[in-house]
PDB file of N, CA and C in Angstrom:
ATOM      1  N   MET A   1       5.959  14.251  15.568  1.00  0.00           N
ATOM      2  CA  MET A   1       5.141  14.802  15.014  1.00  0.00           C
ATOM      3  C   MET A   1       4.610  15.728  14.467  1.00  0.00           C
ATOM      4  N   ALA A   2       3.368  14.725  13.120  1.00  0.00           N
ATOM      5  CA  ALA A   2       3.376  16.629  12.973  1.00  0.00           C
ATOM      6  C   ALA A   2       2.174  16.798  12.372  1.00  0.00           C
ATOM      7  N   PRO A   3       1.831  18.634  12.768  1.00  0.00           N
ATOM      8  CA  PRO A   3       0.091  18.421  13.860  1.00  0.00           C
ATOM      9  C   PRO A   3      -0.615  18.174  13.205  1.00  0.00           C
ATOM     10  N   GLY A   4      -1.421  17.968  13.919  1.00  0.00           N
ATOM     11  CA  GLY A   4      -2.701  17.031  13.691  1.00  0.00           C
ATOM     12  C   GLY A   4      -2.961  15.773  14.016  1.00  0.00           C
ATOM     13  N   PHE A   5      -1.693  16.045  14.141  1.00  0.00           N
ATOM     14  CA  PHE A   5      -1.306  13.241  14.308  1.00  0.00           C
ATOM     15  C   PHE A   5      -1.798  13.374  15.206  1.00  0.00           C
ATOM     16  N   THR A   6      -2.531  11.921  15.021  1.00  0.00           N
ATOM     17  CA  THR A   6      -2.649  11.399  17.219  1.00  0.00           C
ATOM     18  C   THR A   6      -2.560   9.946  16.554  1.00  0.00           C
ATOM     19  N   MET A   7      -2.038   9.325  17.511  1.00  0.00           N
ATOM     20  CA  MET A   7      -1.846   8.367  17.704  1.00  0.00           C
ATOM     21  C   MET A   7      -2.090   6.839  17.719  1.00  0.00           C
ATOM     22  N   PHE A   8      -3.426   5.876  17.698  1.00  0.00           N
ATOM     23  CA  PHE A   8      -3.902   5.104  18.065  1.00  0.00           C
ATOM     24  C   PHE A   8      -2.867   4.212  18.777  1.00  0.00           C
ATOM     25  N   ASP A   9      -4.032   3.891  19.585  1.00  0.00           N
ATOM     26  CA  ASP A   9      -2.927   1.957  19.449  1.00  0.00           C
ATOM     27  C   ASP A   9      -4.356   0.733  18.949  1.00  0.00           C
ATOM     28  N   VAL A  10      -3.482  -0.047  18.648  1.00  0.00           N
ATOM     29  CA  VAL A  10      -4.418  -0.969  17.592  1.00  0.00           C
ATOM     30  C   VAL A  10      -3.090  -2.603  17.835  1.00  0.00           C
ATOM     31  N   GLU A  11      -4.536  -3.915  18.892  1.00  0.00           N
ATOM     32  CA  GLU A  11      -3.668  -4.610  19.063  1.00  0.00           C
ATOM     33  C   GLU A  11      -3.462  -5.188  17.241  1.00  0.00           C
ATOM     34  N   LYS A  12      -1.104  -5.761  16.822  1.00  0.00           N
ATOM     35  CA  LYS A  12      -1.876  -6.546  15.546  1.00  0.00           C
ATOM     36  C   LYS A  12      -2.471  -7.917  16.406  1.00  0.00           C
ATOM     37  N   PHE A  13      -3.339  -8.241  15.367  1.00  0.00           N
ATOM     38  CA  PHE A  13      -4.304  -8.878  14.669  1.00  0.00           C
ATOM     39  C   PHE A  13      -3.481 -10.914  14.936  1.00  0.00           C
ATOM     40  N   ASP A  14      -3.646 -11.793  15.898  1.00  0.00           N
ATOM     41  CA  ASP A  14      -2.882 -12.285  16.563  1.00  0.00           C
ATOM     42  C   ASP A  14      -3.674 -14.151  16.098  1.00  0.00           C
ATOM     43  N   GLY A  15      -4.538 -14.257  15.196  1.00  0.00           N
ATOM     44  CA  GLY A  15      -5.244 -15.240  15.204  1.00  0.00           C
ATOM     45  C   GLY A  15      -6.650 -15.829  15.025  1.00  0.00           C
ATOM     46  N   THR A  16      -6.320 -15.109  16.509  1.00  0.00           N
ATOM     47  CA  THR A  16      -7.928 -15.731  17.228  1.00  0.00           C
ATOM     48  C   THR A  16      -8.515 -14.246  17.564  1.00  0.00           C
ATOM     49  N   GLY A  17      -9.991 -14.683  17.734  1.00  0.00           N
ATOM     50  CA  GLY A  17     -11.406 -13.685  17.318  1.00  0.00           C
ATOM     51  C   GLY A  17     -11.516 -13.766  16.384  1.00  0.00           C
ATOM     52  N   ASN A  18     -12.398 -12.411  15.629  1.00  0.00           N
ATOM     53  CA  ASN A  18     -13.098 -11.881  15.034  1.00  0.00           C
ATOM     54  C   ASN A  18     -11.860 -11.721  13.354  1.00  0.00           C
ATOM     55  N   PHE A  19     -11.029 -12.068  12.644  1.00  0.00           N
ATOM     56  CA  PHE A  19     -10.817 -10.636  12.213  1.00  0.00           C
ATOM     57  C   PHE A  19     -10.731  -9.806  11.209  1.00  0.00           C
ATOM     58  N   GLY A  20     -12.628  -9.664  10.541  1.00  0.00           N
ATOM     59  CA  GLY A  20     -13.664  -9.576  10.192  1.00  0.00           C
ATOM     60  C   GLY A  20     -13.792  -7.964  10.486  1.00  0.00           C
ATOM     61  N   LEU A  21     -13.765  -7.897  12.141  1.00  0.00           N
ATOM     62  CA  LEU A  21     -14.244  -7.298  13.174  1.00  0.00           C
ATOM     63  C   LEU A  21     -13.021  -5.897  13.420  1.00  0.00           C
ATOM     64  N   TRP A  22     -11.568  -6.269  13.813  1.00  0.00           N
ATOM     65  CA  TRP A  22     -10.493  -5.682  13.570  1.00  0.00           C
ATOM     66  C   TRP A  22     -10.752  -5.057  12.494  1.00  0.00           C
ATOM     67  N   GLN A  23     -10.297  -6.261  11.566  1.00  0.00           N
ATOM     68  CA  GLN A  23      -9.866  -5.180   9.587  1.00  0.00           C
ATOM     69  C   GLN A  23     -11.213  -4.043  10.147  1.00  0.00           C
ATOM     70  N   THR A  24     -12.216  -4.291  10.590  1.00  0.00           N
ATOM     71  CA  THR A  24     -13.199  -3.033  10.418  1.00  0.00           C
ATOM     72  C   THR A  24     -13.020  -1.587  11.428  1.00  0.00           C
ATOM     73  N   ARG A  25     -11.955  -2.054  13.009  1.00  0.00           N
ATOM     74  CA  ARG A  25     -12.013  -1.200  13.388  1.00  0.00           C
ATOM     75  C   ARG A  25     -10.091  -0.369  13.480  1.00  0.00           C
ATOM     76  N   VAL A  26      -9.545  -1.241  11.844  1.00  0.00           N
ATOM     77  CA  VAL A  26      -8.822  -0.531  11.749  1.00  0.00           C
ATOM     78  C   VAL A  26      -9.049   0.497  10.640  1.00  0.00           C
ATOM     79  N   LYS A  27      -9.532  -0.151  10.007  1.00  0.00           N
ATOM     80  CA  LYS A  27     -10.531   0.971   8.029  1.00  0.00           C
ATOM     81  C   LYS A  27     -10.810   2.157   9.224  1.00  0.00           C
ATOM     82  N   ASP A  28     -11.761   2.123  10.630  1.00  0.00           N
ATOM     83  CA  ASP A  28     -11.645   3.093  10.788  1.00  0.00           C
ATOM     84  C   ASP A  28     -11.304   4.646  11.431  1.00  0.00           C
ATOM     85  N   ILE A  29     -10.992   3.830  11.869  1.00  0.00           N
ATOM     86  CA  ILE A  29      -9.145   4.605  12.240  1.00  0.00           C
ATOM     87  C   ILE A  29      -8.706   4.892  11.657  1.00  0.00           C
ATOM     88  N   LEU A  30      -8.373   4.387  10.682  1.00  0.00           N
ATOM     89  CA  LEU A  30      -7.412   5.175   8.988  1.00  0.00           C
ATOM     90  C   LEU A  30      -8.259   6.435   7.969  1.00  0.00           C
ATOM     91  N   VAL A  31     -10.285   5.680   7.985  1.00  0.00           N
ATOM     92  CA  VAL A  31     -10.850   6.804   7.599  1.00  0.00           C
ATOM     93  C   VAL A  31     -11.094   7.709   8.611  1.00  0.00           C
ATOM     94  N   GLN A  32     -11.021   7.701   9.918  1.00  0.00           N
ATOM     95  CA  GLN A  32     -11.286   9.026  10.133  1.00  0.00           C
ATOM     96  C   GLN A  32     -10.074   9.745  10.454  1.00  0.00           C
ATOM     97  N   GLN A  33      -9.103   9.309   9.607  1.00  0.00           N
ATOM     98  CA  GLN A  33      -7.695  10.503   9.846  1.00  0.00           C
ATOM     99  C   GLN A  33      -6.679  11.179   8.280  1.00  0.00           C
ATOM    100  N   GLY A  34      -8.527  10.125   7.136  1.00  0.00           N
ATOM    101  CA  GLY A  34      -8.448  10.803   6.181  1.00  0.00           C
ATOM    102  C   GLY A  34      -7.035  10.436   5.187  1.00  0.00           C
ATOM    103  N   ILE A  35      -6.373   9.182   5.489  1.00  0.00           N
ATOM    104  CA  ILE A  35      -5.598   8.248   5.333  1.00  0.00           C
ATOM    105  C   ILE A  35      -5.852   6.410   4.432  1.00  0.00           C
ATOM    106  N   LEU A  36      -7.622   6.362   3.993  1.00  0.00           N
ATOM    107  CA  LEU A  36      -7.539   5.212   3.989  1.00  0.00           C
ATOM    108  C   LEU A  36      -6.894   5.121   2.926  1.00  0.00           C
ATOM    109  N   LYS A  37      -7.029   5.987   1.338  1.00  0.00           N
ATOM    110  CA  LYS A  37      -6.242   6.082  -0.069  1.00  0.00           C
ATOM    111  C   LYS A  37      -5.589   5.635  -0.343  1.00  0.00           C
ATOM    112  N   GLY A  38      -4.287   6.232   1.202  1.00  0.00           N
ATOM    113  CA  GLY A  38      -3.375   6.510   1.348  1.00  0.00           C
ATOM    114  C   GLY A  38      -2.568   4.345   1.324  1.00  0.00           C
ATOM    115  N   LEU A  39      -3.411   3.554   1.160  1.00  0.00           N
ATOM    116  CA  LEU A  39      -2.924   2.685   1.575  1.00  0.00           C
ATOM    117  C   LEU A  39      -3.944   1.245  -0.126  1.00  0.00           C
TER     118      LEU A  39
END
């Protein structure tokens, strides 16, 4: 792994629960890592 790389464990969305909340969690992690624009 690259220096400064942090791995987060985010479960795949399985169709149950709130998709908007799951999506927000994933985007927050990407923002913290500075890679949201990569998508």
